[in-house]
Protein backbone atom coordinates (compact mmCIF):
# COMPACT_ATOMS: atom_id res chain seq x y z
CA MET A 1 4.17 34.73 -25.69
CA LYS A 2 3.82 30.90 -24.72
CA HIS A 3 6.60 28.89 -25.59
CA LYS A 4 5.57 25.03 -27.05
CA TYR A 5 7.76 22.47 -26.64
CA ARG A 6 7.64 19.01 -28.58
CA ILE A 7 9.26 15.81 -27.42
CA VAL A 8 11.76 14.69 -30.09
CA ASN A 9 12.63 11.36 -28.70
CA LYS A 10 10.07 9.88 -26.66
CA LYS A 11 12.70 7.03 -25.57
CA ARG A 12 15.41 9.41 -24.60
CA PHE A 13 12.50 11.70 -22.56
CA PHE A 14 11.21 8.88 -20.46
CA THR A 15 14.62 7.36 -19.66
CA PHE A 16 15.68 10.77 -18.69
CA TRP A 17 12.75 11.49 -16.26
CA PHE A 18 13.33 7.45 -15.19
CA THR A 19 16.80 8.17 -14.06
CA ILE A 20 15.58 11.34 -12.12
CA TRP A 21 13.15 9.71 -10.18
CA LEU A 22 15.37 6.69 -9.47
CA ILE A 23 18.32 8.91 -8.43
CA ALA A 24 15.79 10.79 -6.03
CA PHE A 25 14.49 7.35 -4.87
CA ILE A 26 18.02 5.91 -3.81
CA ILE A 27 18.79 9.26 -2.58
CA ILE A 28 15.62 9.52 -0.21
CA THR A 29 15.88 5.62 0.87
CA PHE A 30 19.64 6.17 1.87
CA PHE A 31 18.79 8.79 4.10
CA ILE A 32 15.77 6.88 5.63
CA ASN A 33 17.80 3.97 6.45
CA HIS A 34 20.67 6.08 7.83
CA SER A 35 19.06 8.30 9.99
CA LYS A 36 19.72 6.31 13.26
CA VAL A 37 20.43 8.61 16.11
CA TYR A 38 23.41 7.59 18.68
CA SER A 39 23.41 8.74 22.28
CA SER A 40 26.55 9.90 24.02
CA THR A 41 25.38 7.94 26.73
CA TYR A 42 25.71 4.62 24.86
CA LYS A 43 26.34 1.78 26.89
CA GLN A 44 29.30 -0.21 25.55
CA ASN A 45 28.45 -3.89 25.70
CA TYR A 46 31.72 -5.29 25.09
CA ILE A 47 35.39 -4.85 26.17
CA GLU A 48 38.43 -4.85 23.54
CA ILE A 49 41.44 -6.85 24.25
CA VAL A 50 44.70 -7.10 21.93
CA VAL A 51 45.66 -10.82 20.83
CA LYS A 52 49.08 -12.01 22.23
CA LYS A 53 51.02 -14.26 20.84
CA GLY A 54 49.91 -17.96 21.67
CA ASP A 55 46.37 -16.72 22.53
CA THR A 56 43.46 -18.83 21.25
CA LEU A 57 39.75 -17.95 20.79
CA TRP A 58 38.88 -20.76 23.38
CA GLN A 59 41.40 -19.37 26.05
CA ILE A 60 40.09 -15.83 25.57
CA ALA A 61 36.67 -16.75 26.21
CA LYS A 62 37.47 -19.16 28.94
CA GLU A 63 39.07 -16.07 30.84
CA HIS A 64 36.16 -13.77 30.26
CA LEU A 65 33.57 -16.36 30.92
CA PRO A 66 30.76 -15.82 33.33
CA GLU A 67 29.99 -18.81 35.89
CA ASP A 68 27.58 -21.29 34.57
CA TYR A 69 27.96 -20.33 30.88
CA ASP A 70 28.33 -22.30 27.95
CA ILE A 71 32.08 -21.74 26.62
CA ARG A 72 30.68 -22.74 23.07
CA LYS A 73 28.03 -20.10 23.34
CA MET A 74 30.44 -17.51 24.29
CA ILE A 75 32.99 -18.16 21.49
CA HIS A 76 29.95 -18.11 19.29
CA GLN A 77 29.03 -14.42 20.37
CA ILE A 78 32.62 -13.30 20.41
CA ARG A 79 32.60 -14.22 16.67
CA GLU A 80 29.50 -12.64 15.75
CA VAL A 81 30.29 -9.45 17.67
CA ASN A 82 33.68 -9.47 15.55
CA ASN A 83 32.03 -10.29 12.49
CA MET A 84 34.36 -13.55 11.91
CA GLU A 85 33.58 -16.23 9.71
CA VAL A 86 36.25 -18.25 11.12
CA ALA A 87 37.88 -18.78 14.58
CA ASP A 88 41.47 -17.56 13.44
CA ILE A 89 42.76 -14.88 15.32
CA TYR A 90 46.53 -13.28 15.21
CA PRO A 91 48.73 -11.38 17.33
CA GLY A 92 48.05 -7.75 17.41
CA ASP A 93 44.34 -8.46 16.49
CA LEU A 94 41.60 -6.39 18.33
CA VAL A 95 38.85 -8.72 19.61
CA LYS A 96 35.82 -7.24 21.15
CA ILE A 97 34.50 -9.71 24.09
CA PRO A 98 30.77 -9.25 24.59
CA ILE A 99 29.60 -8.62 28.51
CA ILE A 100 27.12 -11.27 29.26
CA ASP A 101 24.18 -10.05 31.82
CA MET A 102 23.59 -13.12 33.46
CA LYS A 103 20.47 -11.36 34.93
CA ASN A 104 18.85 -11.53 31.55
CA ARG A 105 20.39 -14.22 29.49
């Protein structure tokens, strides 16, 4: 004995299947984009410092600046590593300072 199914509302039927396929696509896309593997031997390319009262980004960059390196480039890299839109820092902030490899710059 075979059952026959009849689609009563085509719009609702196609909306249901579209939604199911969309959810499946989003889930698959999420897992494809977030499947990065991190090694336990990952080398940290920055040092972290805690900002003290009176510190400025310029001063911090100057203290950690390699010889013959442009301080403006260093400040730009600090802002980039820390996702900073402006150069404002406050006491207690944790700032990542990139370690510049002078052999491969």
